[in-house]
Amino acid sequence: MKRKLLVAVPLLCLVALLAWLFRPKHESLGEAYVGERSITLWSSVAQVREQTGVLLYGDRVEVLARRNDNVKVRTAAGLTGWVDGRYLIEPDLWQRSEKLLEQTRVMPIQARGRTKVPTNLRVLPGRTEPRLYQFSRGMPVEIVGRAVSDWVQVTDEKESSNEPQESKKEDWFLVRAIATRPRGEGAIRNSAANTTTQPGDQTVPGNRGPEGQPCDFTTLRVLTWNRKKSRYETAFIENDLCGALPIRTGKSPKNEPEFRFRVMDSPKEERVYHLIQTVVRRVRDESAPKKSTAKKSAAHR
């Protein structure tokens, strides 16, 4: 009996050890978010494989394993499969994008436009910043801000200019679009280009100077809509500005339409303009100290 126990106990221990070593492993290596409109979930990384599901932009997944550019993930619904890891966003980058999204919700729209080519969306200005999403051609966007960044050639781009790289600057625009919103607030769709100008439509192209300039805008032009002639007409022009976005619109104490902005040369100075019917007038800062006339009065005595 003792001999049987001496043999059985080590054998059971060996079986338990082997079962522990070869147990199914489902430990999570972390989490990630889908950064494409949709990606396919595959059964394996082999050439012959089956599609097990489709993931949508913003879906959160658990990372189970990595093999080169492929990542094995598990969805909230329990589906498991392999995806291309280049289309996943790390949690830190996703949280930064959510924070930026909250900040831009209250920012006034400065202009509207459409992407001319497939365009990468990044949290910070610069070609070397990690990509958050890619807009397709013709994607309608709302422009809420502008920044300047050094031009840096990336691996998938070819140098098209002999200009020294360190001296080149380029414009970056902070934009909002349907694809940047959390899932459930709107489908990701592309709209056909619309070339018809309607009242309030700001998608028509405008004149632009060279990129990388310190001023967000240098010319101010106010257009009003003539209902009888069904066209825009220039009501006000001001040149030689070095304005800073955003331009905010609102109502004056007299319920007159107004807009205001700050200038780069004097960040504390805010310029205010009122629209009186079709006439635009700049309102001087009433809080500024008025010049005293005491010395002038004393001189006349």
C-alpha atoms as a PDB file:
ATOM      1  CA  MET A   1       0.000   0.000   0.000  1.00  0.00           C
ATOM      2  CA  LYS A   2       2.776   2.382   0.884  1.00  0.00           C
ATOM      3  CA  ARG A   3       4.509   1.571  -2.386  1.00  0.00           C
ATOM      4  CA  LYS A   4       1.347   2.365  -4.337  1.00  0.00           C
ATOM      5  CA  LEU A   5       1.051   5.702  -2.521  1.00  0.00           C
ATOM      6  CA  LEU A   6       4.666   6.521  -3.222  1.00  0.00           C
ATOM      7  CA  VAL A   7       4.029   5.954  -6.921  1.00  0.00           C
ATOM      8  CA  ALA A   8       0.557   7.546  -7.110  1.00  0.00           C
ATOM      9  CA  VAL A   9       1.344  10.816  -5.341  1.00  0.00           C
ATOM     10  CA  PRO A  10       4.254  11.848  -7.610  1.00  0.00           C
ATOM     11  CA  LEU A  11       2.217  10.776 -10.645  1.00  0.00           C
ATOM     12  CA  LEU A  12      -0.724  12.958  -9.640  1.00  0.00           C
ATOM     13  CA  CYS A  13       1.638  15.870  -9.031  1.00  0.00           C
ATOM     14  CA  LEU A  14       3.135  15.383 -12.502  1.00  0.00           C
ATOM     15  CA  VAL A  15      -0.302  15.304 -14.120  1.00  0.00           C
ATOM     16  CA  ALA A  16      -1.316  18.465 -12.256  1.00  0.00           C
ATOM     17  CA  LEU A  17       1.890  20.217 -13.335  1.00  0.00           C
ATOM     18  CA  LEU A  18       1.402  19.269 -16.981  1.00  0.00           C
ATOM     19  CA  ALA A  19      -2.223  20.403 -16.869  1.00  0.00           C
ATOM     20  CA  TRP A  20      -1.145  23.758 -15.467  1.00  0.00           C
ATOM     21  CA  LEU A  21       1.593  24.202 -18.106  1.00  0.00           C
ATOM     22  CA  PHE A  22      -0.716  23.362 -21.020  1.00  0.00           C
ATOM     23  CA  ARG A  23      -3.784  25.137 -19.703  1.00  0.00           C
ATOM     24  CA  PRO A  24      -5.620  27.517 -22.108  1.00  0.00           C
ATOM     25  CA  LYS A  25      -4.092  30.944 -21.663  1.00  0.00           C
ATOM     26  CA  HIS A  26      -6.452  33.930 -21.866  1.00  0.00           C
ATOM     27  CA  GLU A  27      -4.415  36.488 -19.999  1.00  0.00           C
ATOM     28  CA  SER A  28      -4.941  39.978 -21.370  1.00  0.00           C
ATOM     29  CA  LEU A  29      -1.908  41.964 -22.501  1.00  0.00           C
ATOM     30  CA  GLY A  30      -3.861  45.180 -22.307  1.00  0.00           C
ATOM     31  CA  GLU A  31      -6.567  46.898 -24.294  1.00  0.00           C
ATOM     32  CA  ALA A  32      -6.871  48.875 -27.512  1.00  0.00           C
ATOM     33  CA  TYR A  33      -9.447  50.666 -29.660  1.00  0.00           C
ATOM     34  CA  VAL A  34     -10.314  50.225 -33.309  1.00  0.00           C
ATOM     35  CA  GLY A  35      -8.977  53.162 -35.314  1.00  0.00           C
ATOM     36  CA  GLU A  36     -10.510  52.398 -38.723  1.00  0.00           C
ATOM     37  CA  ARG A  37     -14.023  52.677 -40.061  1.00  0.00           C
ATOM     38  CA  SER A  38     -14.198  48.866 -39.985  1.00  0.00           C
ATOM     39  CA  ILE A  39     -11.692  46.015 -39.767  1.00  0.00           C
ATOM     40  CA  THR A  40     -12.066  42.267 -40.259  1.00  0.00           C
ATOM     41  CA  LEU A  41     -11.646  39.787 -37.436  1.00  0.00           C
ATOM     42  CA  TRP A  42      -9.876  36.632 -38.730  1.00  0.00           C
ATOM     43  CA  SER A  43      -9.722  33.121 -37.300  1.00  0.00           C
ATOM     44  CA  SER A  44      -5.922  32.886 -37.719  1.00  0.00           C
ATOM     45  CA  VAL A  45      -2.937  34.540 -39.399  1.00  0.00           C
ATOM     46  CA  ALA A  46      -2.608  31.786 -42.008  1.00  0.00           C
ATOM     47  CA  GLN A  47      -3.247  32.457 -45.687  1.00  0.00           C
ATOM     48  CA  VAL A  48      -6.280  30.166 -45.566  1.00  0.00           C
ATOM     49  CA  ARG A  49      -8.520  31.562 -42.818  1.00  0.00           C
ATOM     50  CA  GLU A  50     -12.094  32.470 -42.034  1.00  0.00           C
ATOM     51  CA  GLN A  51     -13.738  35.762 -41.177  1.00  0.00           C
ATOM     52  CA  THR A  52     -15.215  35.598 -37.695  1.00  0.00           C
ATOM     53  CA  GLY A  53     -16.535  39.153 -37.374  1.00  0.00           C
ATOM     54  CA  VAL A  54     -16.226  42.868 -38.169  1.00  0.00           C
ATOM     55  CA  LEU A  55     -15.087  45.560 -35.725  1.00  0.00           C
ATOM     56  CA  LEU A  56     -16.111  49.220 -36.021  1.00  0.00           C
ATOM     57  CA  TYR A  57     -14.358  52.467 -35.208  1.00  0.00           C
ATOM     58  CA  GLY A  58     -14.087  53.014 -31.447  1.00  0.00           C
ATOM     59  CA  ASP A  59     -14.723  49.390 -30.425  1.00  0.00           C
ATOM     60  CA  ARG A  60     -12.698  48.462 -27.339  1.00  0.00           C
ATOM     61  CA  VAL A  61     -10.890  45.110 -27.461  1.00  0.00           C
ATOM     62  CA  GLU A  62      -8.614  43.085 -25.171  1.00  0.00           C
ATOM     63  CA  VAL A  63      -5.190  42.258 -26.563  1.00  0.00           C
ATOM     64  CA  LEU A  64      -4.386  38.552 -26.086  1.00  0.00           C
ATOM     65  CA  ALA A  65      -1.289  38.009 -28.236  1.00  0.00           C
ATOM     66  CA  ARG A  66       0.944  39.655 -30.832  1.00  0.00           C
ATOM     67  CA  ARG A  67       2.617  38.159 -33.898  1.00  0.00           C
ATOM     68  CA  ASN A  68       4.516  40.616 -36.077  1.00  0.00           C
ATOM     69  CA  ASP A  69       1.901  43.162 -37.287  1.00  0.00           C
ATOM     70  CA  ASN A  70      -1.010  40.926 -36.273  1.00  0.00           C
ATOM     71  CA  VAL A  71      -2.776  41.120 -32.928  1.00  0.00           C
ATOM     72  CA  LYS A  72      -5.102  38.581 -31.353  1.00  0.00           C
ATOM     73  CA  VAL A  73      -8.006  40.323 -29.644  1.00  0.00           C
ATOM     74  CA  ARG A  74     -11.194  39.585 -27.782  1.00  0.00           C
ATOM     75  CA  THR A  75     -14.259  41.802 -28.127  1.00  0.00           C
ATOM     76  CA  ALA A  76     -16.728  42.827 -25.431  1.00  0.00           C
ATOM     77  CA  ALA A  77     -19.123  40.239 -26.884  1.00  0.00           C
ATOM     78  CA  GLY A  78     -16.539  37.472 -26.400  1.00  0.00           C
ATOM     79  CA  LEU A  79     -15.469  37.071 -30.038  1.00  0.00           C
ATOM     80  CA  THR A  80     -11.805  36.170 -30.458  1.00  0.00           C
ATOM     81  CA  GLY A  81      -9.689  36.581 -33.569  1.00  0.00           C
ATOM     82  CA  TRP A  82      -6.774  38.260 -35.297  1.00  0.00           C
ATOM     83  CA  VAL A  83      -6.620  41.792 -36.738  1.00  0.00           C
ATOM     84  CA  ASP A  84      -4.001  44.024 -38.327  1.00  0.00           C
ATOM     85  CA  GLY A  85      -2.330  45.795 -35.389  1.00  0.00           C
ATOM     86  CA  ARG A  86      -1.745  48.945 -37.442  1.00  0.00           C
ATOM     87  CA  TYR A  87      -5.450  49.678 -37.209  1.00  0.00           C
ATOM     88  CA  LEU A  88      -5.566  49.645 -33.410  1.00  0.00           C
ATOM     89  CA  ILE A  89      -5.135  52.679 -31.156  1.00  0.00           C
ATOM     90  CA  GLU A  90      -3.355  52.493 -27.801  1.00  0.00           C
ATOM     91  CA  PRO A  91      -5.426  53.518 -24.746  1.00  0.00           C
ATOM     92  CA  ASP A  92      -3.268  56.585 -24.035  1.00  0.00           C
ATOM     93  CA  LEU A  93      -3.739  57.962 -27.539  1.00  0.00           C
ATOM     94  CA  TRP A  94      -7.452  57.193 -27.416  1.00  0.00           C
ATOM     95  CA  GLN A  95      -7.870  59.066 -24.124  1.00  0.00           C
ATOM     96  CA  ARG A  96      -6.015  62.045 -25.582  1.00  0.00           C
ATOM     97  CA  SER A  97      -8.350  62.049 -28.560  1.00  0.00           C
ATOM     98  CA  GLU A  98     -11.400  61.920 -26.281  1.00  0.00           C
ATOM     99  CA  LYS A  99     -10.065  64.870 -24.282  1.00  0.00           C
ATOM    100  CA  LEU A 100      -9.439  66.859 -27.462  1.00  0.00           C
ATOM    101  CA  LEU A 101     -12.927  66.011 -28.681  1.00  0.00           C
ATOM    102  CA  GLU A 102     -14.447  67.432 -25.491  1.00  0.00           C
ATOM    103  CA  GLN A 103     -12.410  70.624 -25.880  1.00  0.00           C
ATOM    104  CA  THR A 104     -13.534  71.175 -29.473  1.00  0.00           C
ATOM    105  CA  ARG A 105     -17.240  70.665 -28.715  1.00  0.00           C
ATOM    106  CA  VAL A 106     -17.563  74.264 -27.481  1.00  0.00           C
ATOM    107  CA  MET A 107     -15.203  75.830 -30.034  1.00  0.00           C
ATOM    108  CA  PRO A 108     -16.955  77.972 -32.666  1.00  0.00           C
ATOM    109  CA  ILE A 109     -16.741  76.926 -36.304  1.00  0.00           C
ATOM    110  CA  GLN A 110     -14.289  79.093 -38.262  1.00  0.00           C
ATOM    111  CA  ALA A 111     -14.903  77.568 -41.682  1.00  0.00           C
ATOM    112  CA  ARG A 112     -16.167  74.468 -43.438  1.00  0.00           C
ATOM    113  CA  GLY A 113     -14.454  72.466 -46.113  1.00  0.00           C
ATOM    114  CA  ARG A 114     -13.785  69.042 -47.596  1.00  0.00           C
ATOM    115  CA  THR A 115     -10.678  66.901 -47.804  1.00  0.00           C
ATOM    116  CA  LYS A 116      -9.070  66.953 -51.246  1.00  0.00           C
ATOM    117  CA  VAL A 117      -7.217  63.644 -50.771  1.00  0.00           C
ATOM    118  CA  PRO A 118      -7.176  60.853 -48.149  1.00  0.00           C
ATOM    119  CA  THR A 119      -6.091  62.749 -45.039  1.00  0.00           C
ATOM    120  CA  ASN A 120      -4.591  61.515 -41.779  1.00  0.00           C
ATOM    121  CA  LEU A 121      -6.100  62.800 -38.547  1.00  0.00           C
ATOM    122  CA  ARG A 122      -3.689  63.323 -35.628  1.00  0.00           C
ATOM    123  CA  VAL A 123      -4.088  64.565 -32.049  1.00  0.00           C
ATOM    124  CA  LEU A 124      -1.195  67.040 -32.393  1.00  0.00           C
ATOM    125  CA  PRO A 125       0.064  68.920 -35.476  1.00  0.00           C
ATOM    126  CA  GLY A 126       2.979  67.210 -37.218  1.00  0.00           C
ATOM    127  CA  ARG A 127       3.504  64.373 -39.672  1.00  0.00           C
ATOM    128  CA  THR A 128       5.426  62.277 -37.158  1.00  0.00           C
ATOM    129  CA  GLU A 129       2.595  62.273 -34.626  1.00  0.00           C
ATOM    130  CA  PRO A 130       0.688  58.964 -34.366  1.00  0.00           C
ATOM    131  CA  ARG A 131      -2.254  58.648 -36.697  1.00  0.00           C
ATOM    132  CA  LEU A 132      -5.692  58.585 -35.127  1.00  0.00           C
ATOM    133  CA  TYR A 133      -7.863  58.110 -38.208  1.00  0.00           C
ATOM    134  CA  GLN A 134      -7.838  58.644 -41.964  1.00  0.00           C
ATOM    135  CA  PHE A 135     -10.503  60.679 -43.712  1.00  0.00           C
ATOM    136  CA  SER A 136     -11.356  59.672 -47.252  1.00  0.00           C
ATOM    137  CA  ARG A 137     -11.427  62.135 -50.135  1.00  0.00           C
ATOM    138  CA  GLY A 138     -14.345  64.571 -50.058  1.00  0.00           C
ATOM    139  CA  MET A 139     -14.988  64.252 -46.309  1.00  0.00           C
ATOM    140  CA  PRO A 140     -16.874  67.339 -44.996  1.00  0.00           C
ATOM    141  CA  VAL A 141     -15.147  68.887 -41.982  1.00  0.00           C
ATOM    142  CA  GLU A 142     -15.585  71.846 -39.661  1.00  0.00           C
ATOM    143  CA  ILE A 143     -12.436  73.917 -39.047  1.00  0.00           C
ATOM    144  CA  VAL A 144     -12.139  75.251 -35.492  1.00  0.00           C
ATOM    145  CA  GLY A 145      -8.447  76.113 -35.161  1.00  0.00           C
ATOM    146  CA  ARG A 146      -5.035  76.417 -36.828  1.00  0.00           C
ATOM    147  CA  ALA A 147      -1.416  75.682 -35.903  1.00  0.00           C
ATOM    148  CA  VAL A 148       2.006  75.745 -37.589  1.00  0.00           C
ATOM    149  CA  SER A 149       4.439  72.841 -37.527  1.00  0.00           C
ATOM    150  CA  ASP A 150       7.834  72.033 -39.025  1.00  0.00           C
ATOM    151  CA  TRP A 151       7.627  70.047 -42.229  1.00  0.00           C
ATOM    152  CA  VAL A 152       9.174  66.606 -41.762  1.00  0.00           C
ATOM    153  CA  GLN A 153       9.450  64.006 -44.504  1.00  0.00           C
ATOM    154  CA  VAL A 154       8.021  60.660 -43.472  1.00  0.00           C
ATOM    155  CA  THR A 155       8.843  57.252 -44.899  1.00  0.00           C
ATOM    156  CA  ASP A 156       5.776  56.985 -47.131  1.00  0.00           C
ATOM    157  CA  GLU A 157       6.304  60.379 -48.778  1.00  0.00           C
ATOM    158  CA  LYS A 158       8.756  61.478 -51.452  1.00  0.00           C
ATOM    159  CA  GLU A 159      10.676  64.720 -51.359  1.00  0.00           C
ATOM    160  CA  SER A 160       9.216  67.051 -53.996  1.00  0.00           C
ATOM    161  CA  SER A 161      11.241  70.180 -53.291  1.00  0.00           C
ATOM    162  CA  ASN A 162      14.905  71.141 -53.096  1.00  0.00           C
ATOM    163  CA  GLU A 163      14.180  73.554 -50.257  1.00  0.00           C
ATOM    164  CA  PRO A 164      16.091  72.695 -47.045  1.00  0.00           C
ATOM    165  CA  GLN A 165      13.842  70.615 -44.819  1.00  0.00           C
ATOM    166  CA  GLU A 166      14.553  72.537 -41.622  1.00  0.00           C
ATOM    167  CA  SER A 167      13.309  75.820 -43.162  1.00  0.00           C
ATOM    168  CA  LYS A 168       9.902  74.538 -44.280  1.00  0.00           C
ATOM    169  CA  LYS A 169       6.727  75.125 -42.313  1.00  0.00           C
ATOM    170  CA  GLU A 170       3.214  73.891 -42.942  1.00  0.00           C
ATOM    171  CA  ASP A 171      -0.291  74.669 -41.719  1.00  0.00           C
ATOM    172  CA  TRP A 172      -2.329  72.241 -39.636  1.00  0.00           C
ATOM    173  CA  PHE A 173      -6.034  72.674 -38.999  1.00  0.00           C
ATOM    174  CA  LEU A 174      -8.022  71.472 -36.019  1.00  0.00           C
ATOM    175  CA  VAL A 175     -11.154  69.939 -37.501  1.00  0.00           C
ATOM    176  CA  ARG A 176     -14.344  68.200 -36.474  1.00  0.00           C
ATOM    177  CA  ALA A 177     -16.183  65.598 -38.505  1.00  0.00           C
ATOM    178  CA  ILE A 178     -18.664  62.804 -37.988  1.00  0.00           C
ATOM    179  CA  ALA A 179     -15.868  60.239 -37.847  1.00  0.00           C
ATOM    180  CA  THR A 180     -14.303  61.930 -34.818  1.00  0.00           C
ATOM    181  CA  ARG A 181     -17.401  61.498 -32.651  1.00  0.00           C
ATOM    182  CA  PRO A 182     -17.880  58.575 -30.258  1.00  0.00           C
ATOM    183  CA  ARG A 183     -19.733  55.583 -31.667  1.00  0.00           C
ATOM    184  CA  GLY A 184     -23.497  55.904 -31.485  1.00  0.00           C
ATOM    185  CA  GLU A 185     -23.608  59.655 -32.205  1.00  0.00           C
ATOM    186  CA  GLY A 186     -23.624  59.283 -35.973  1.00  0.00           C
ATOM    187  CA  ALA A 187     -22.606  56.954 -38.752  1.00  0.00           C
ATOM    188  CA  ILE A 188     -19.330  57.391 -40.576  1.00  0.00           C
ATOM    189  CA  ARG A 189     -20.227  58.252 -44.127  1.00  0.00           C
ATOM    190  CA  ASN A 190     -18.806  60.158 -47.066  1.00  0.00           C
ATOM    191  CA  SER A 191     -20.809  62.872 -48.792  1.00  0.00           C
ATOM    192  CA  ALA A 192     -20.652  63.718 -52.448  1.00  0.00           C
ATOM    193  CA  ALA A 193     -19.037  67.054 -53.253  1.00  0.00           C
ATOM    194  CA  ASN A 194     -21.501  69.918 -53.549  1.00  0.00           C
ATOM    195  CA  THR A 195     -20.439  72.824 -55.730  1.00  0.00           C
ATOM    196  CA  THR A 196     -23.648  74.828 -55.383  1.00  0.00           C
ATOM    197  CA  THR A 197     -23.322  77.917 -53.216  1.00  0.00           C
ATOM    198  CA  GLN A 198     -26.241  78.439 -50.866  1.00  0.00           C
ATOM    199  CA  PRO A 199     -26.795  80.983 -48.071  1.00  0.00           C
ATOM    200  CA  GLY A 200     -24.536  79.998 -45.210  1.00  0.00           C
ATOM    201  CA  ASP A 201     -22.565  77.495 -47.278  1.00  0.00           C
ATOM    202  CA  GLN A 202     -18.848  77.992 -46.593  1.00  0.00           C
ATOM    203  CA  THR A 203     -17.484  75.007 -48.498  1.00  0.00           C
ATOM    204  CA  VAL A 204     -16.396  77.064 -51.508  1.00  0.00           C
ATOM    205  CA  PRO A 205     -12.614  77.442 -51.779  1.00  0.00           C
ATOM    206  CA  GLY A 206     -10.948  80.682 -50.748  1.00  0.00           C
ATOM    207  CA  ASN A 207      -7.638  82.378 -51.421  1.00  0.00           C
ATOM    208  CA  ARG A 208      -4.694  81.240 -49.327  1.00  0.00           C
ATOM    209  CA  GLY A 209      -1.189  82.564 -48.919  1.00  0.00           C
ATOM    210  CA  PRO A 210       1.991  80.551 -48.271  1.00  0.00           C
ATOM    211  CA  GLU A 211       1.910  78.056 -45.416  1.00  0.00           C
ATOM    212  CA  GLY A 212       3.646  78.460 -42.082  1.00  0.00           C
ATOM    213  CA  GLN A 213       2.797  82.140 -41.558  1.00  0.00           C
ATOM    214  CA  PRO A 214       2.505  83.367 -37.937  1.00  0.00           C
ATOM    215  CA  CYS A 215      -0.889  84.999 -38.527  1.00  0.00           C
ATOM    216  CA  ASP A 216      -4.035  82.916 -38.693  1.00  0.00           C
ATOM    217  CA  PHE A 217      -5.479  85.485 -41.101  1.00  0.00           C
ATOM    218  CA  THR A 218      -4.344  88.855 -42.506  1.00  0.00           C
ATOM    219  CA  THR A 219      -7.497  90.058 -44.262  1.00  0.00           C
ATOM    220  CA  LEU A 220     -10.992  90.454 -42.878  1.00  0.00           C
ATOM    221  CA  ARG A 221     -13.876  90.357 -45.354  1.00  0.00           C
ATOM    222  CA  VAL A 222     -17.554  90.449 -44.336  1.00  0.00           C
ATOM    223  CA  LEU A 223     -20.152  89.278 -46.844  1.00  0.00           C
ATOM    224  CA  THR A 224     -23.901  89.812 -46.639  1.00  0.00           C
ATOM    225  CA  TRP A 225     -26.561  87.920 -48.535  1.00  0.00           C
ATOM    226  CA  ASN A 226     -28.659  89.977 -50.962  1.00  0.00           C
ATOM    227  CA  ARG A 227     -32.030  88.245 -51.107  1.00  0.00           C
ATOM    228  CA  LYS A 228     -33.304  90.151 -54.130  1.00  0.00           C
ATOM    229  CA  LYS A 229     -30.235  89.370 -56.240  1.00  0.00           C
ATOM    230  CA  SER A 230     -29.592  85.957 -54.594  1.00  0.00           C
ATOM    231  CA  ARG A 231     -25.896  86.552 -54.147  1.00  0.00           C
ATOM    232  CA  TYR A 232     -23.228  87.482 -51.586  1.00  0.00           C
ATOM    233  CA  GLU A 233     -22.005  91.082 -51.501  1.00  0.00           C
ATOM    234  CA  THR A 234     -18.963  92.530 -49.754  1.00  0.00           C
ATOM    235  CA  ALA A 235     -19.964  94.730 -46.821  1.00  0.00           C
ATOM    236  CA  PHE A 236     -16.577  95.296 -45.170  1.00  0.00           C
ATOM    237  CA  ILE A 237     -12.858  94.722 -45.838  1.00  0.00           C
ATOM    238  CA  GLU A 238      -9.882  95.293 -43.546  1.00  0.00           C
ATOM    239  CA  ASN A 239      -6.295  94.437 -44.538  1.00  0.00           C
ATOM    240  CA  ASP A 240      -2.892  94.315 -42.818  1.00  0.00           C
ATOM    241  CA  LEU A 241      -4.188  92.282 -39.885  1.00  0.00           C
ATOM    242  CA  CYS A 242      -2.427  89.589 -37.908  1.00  0.00           C
ATOM    243  CA  GLY A 243      -5.512  87.948 -36.485  1.00  0.00           C
ATOM    244  CA  ALA A 244      -5.739  84.920 -34.232  1.00  0.00           C
ATOM    245  CA  LEU A 245      -8.483  82.305 -34.297  1.00  0.00           C
ATOM    246  CA  PRO A 246     -11.108  81.804 -33.086  1.00  0.00           C
ATOM    247  CA  ILE A 247     -13.460  84.472 -34.385  1.00  0.00           C
ATOM    248  CA  ARG A 248     -16.474  84.464 -32.080  1.00  0.00           C
ATOM    249  CA  THR A 249     -19.924  85.656 -33.084  1.00  0.00           C
ATOM    250  CA  GLY A 250     -22.771  86.809 -30.870  1.00  0.00           C
ATOM    251  CA  LYS A 251     -25.144  89.664 -30.057  1.00  0.00           C
ATOM    252  CA  SER A 252     -24.363  93.131 -28.714  1.00  0.00           C
ATOM    253  CA  PRO A 253     -26.276  94.675 -25.769  1.00  0.00           C
ATOM    254  CA  LYS A 254     -28.456  96.342 -28.416  1.00  0.00           C
ATOM    255  CA  ASN A 255     -29.126  92.918 -29.998  1.00  0.00           C
ATOM    256  CA  GLU A 256     -26.956  93.719 -33.000  1.00  0.00           C
ATOM    257  CA  PRO A 257     -24.912  90.898 -34.600  1.00  0.00           C
ATOM    258  CA  GLU A 258     -21.282  91.148 -33.590  1.00  0.00           C
ATOM    259  CA  PHE A 259     -17.999  89.272 -33.985  1.00  0.00           C
ATOM    260  CA  ARG A 260     -14.740  89.547 -32.091  1.00  0.00           C
ATOM    261  CA  PHE A 261     -11.189  88.213 -32.212  1.00  0.00           C
ATOM    262  CA  ARG A 262      -7.707  88.887 -30.867  1.00  0.00           C
ATOM    263  CA  VAL A 263      -4.588  89.915 -32.738  1.00  0.00           C
ATOM    264  CA  MET A 264      -1.191  88.229 -32.585  1.00  0.00           C
ATOM    265  CA  ASP A 265       0.689  91.474 -31.948  1.00  0.00           C
ATOM    266  CA  SER A 266      -1.352  92.201 -28.837  1.00  0.00           C
ATOM    267  CA  PRO A 267      -2.975  89.035 -27.406  1.00  0.00           C
ATOM    268  CA  LYS A 268      -4.766  91.035 -24.708  1.00  0.00           C
ATOM    269  CA  GLU A 269      -6.437  93.273 -27.277  1.00  0.00           C
ATOM    270  CA  GLU A 270      -9.819  92.062 -28.502  1.00  0.00           C
ATOM    271  CA  ARG A 271     -11.337  93.679 -31.544  1.00  0.00           C
ATOM    272  CA  VAL A 272     -15.129  93.902 -31.618  1.00  0.00           C
ATOM    273  CA  TYR A 273     -17.242  94.638 -34.708  1.00  0.00           C
ATOM    274  CA  HIS A 274     -20.990  95.242 -34.928  1.00  0.00           C
ATOM    275  CA  LEU A 275     -23.205  94.668 -37.941  1.00  0.00           C
ATOM    276  CA  ILE A 276     -25.848  97.393 -38.283  1.00  0.00           C
ATOM    277  CA  GLN A 277     -28.069  96.251 -41.148  1.00  0.00           C
ATOM    278  CA  THR A 278     -25.407  95.899 -43.870  1.00  0.00           C
ATOM    279  CA  VAL A 279     -22.842  98.259 -42.292  1.00  0.00           C
ATOM    280  CA  VAL A 280     -19.925  96.867 -40.261  1.00  0.00           C
ATOM    281  CA  ARG A 281     -18.375  99.119 -37.618  1.00  0.00           C
ATOM    282  CA  ARG A 282     -15.548  98.442 -35.231  1.00  0.00           C
ATOM    283  CA  VAL A 283     -16.422  99.109 -31.583  1.00  0.00           C
ATOM    284  CA  ARG A 284     -13.626 100.622 -29.558  1.00  0.00           C
ATOM    285  CA  ASP A 285     -12.776  99.110 -26.198  1.00  0.00           C
ATOM    286  CA  GLU A 286     -14.840 101.110 -23.738  1.00  0.00           C
ATOM    287  CA  SER A 287     -12.794  99.770 -20.805  1.00  0.00           C
ATOM    288  CA  ALA A 288      -9.665 101.538 -22.038  1.00  0.00           C
ATOM    289  CA  PRO A 289      -8.730 104.632 -20.014  1.00  0.00           C
ATOM    290  CA  LYS A 290      -9.816 107.873 -21.634  1.00  0.00           C
ATOM    291  CA  LYS A 291      -7.353 110.704 -22.140  1.00  0.00           C
ATOM    292  CA  SER A 292      -7.752 113.528 -19.653  1.00  0.00           C
ATOM    293  CA  THR A 293      -8.313 117.103 -20.881  1.00  0.00           C
ATOM    294  CA  ALA A 294      -7.324 118.795 -17.595  1.00  0.00           C
ATOM    295  CA  LYS A 295      -3.944 120.048 -18.890  1.00  0.00           C
ATOM    296  CA  LYS A 296      -5.548 121.422 -22.052  1.00  0.00           C
ATOM    297  CA  SER A 297      -8.150 123.345 -19.990  1.00  0.00           C
ATOM    298  CA  ALA A 298      -5.470 124.791 -17.723  1.00  0.00           C
ATOM    299  CA  ALA A 299      -3.520 126.071 -20.731  1.00  0.00           C
ATOM    300  CA  HIS A 300      -6.477 128.115 -21.941  1.00  0.00           C
ATOM    301  CA  ARG A 301      -6.975 129.878 -18.622  1.00  0.00           C
END
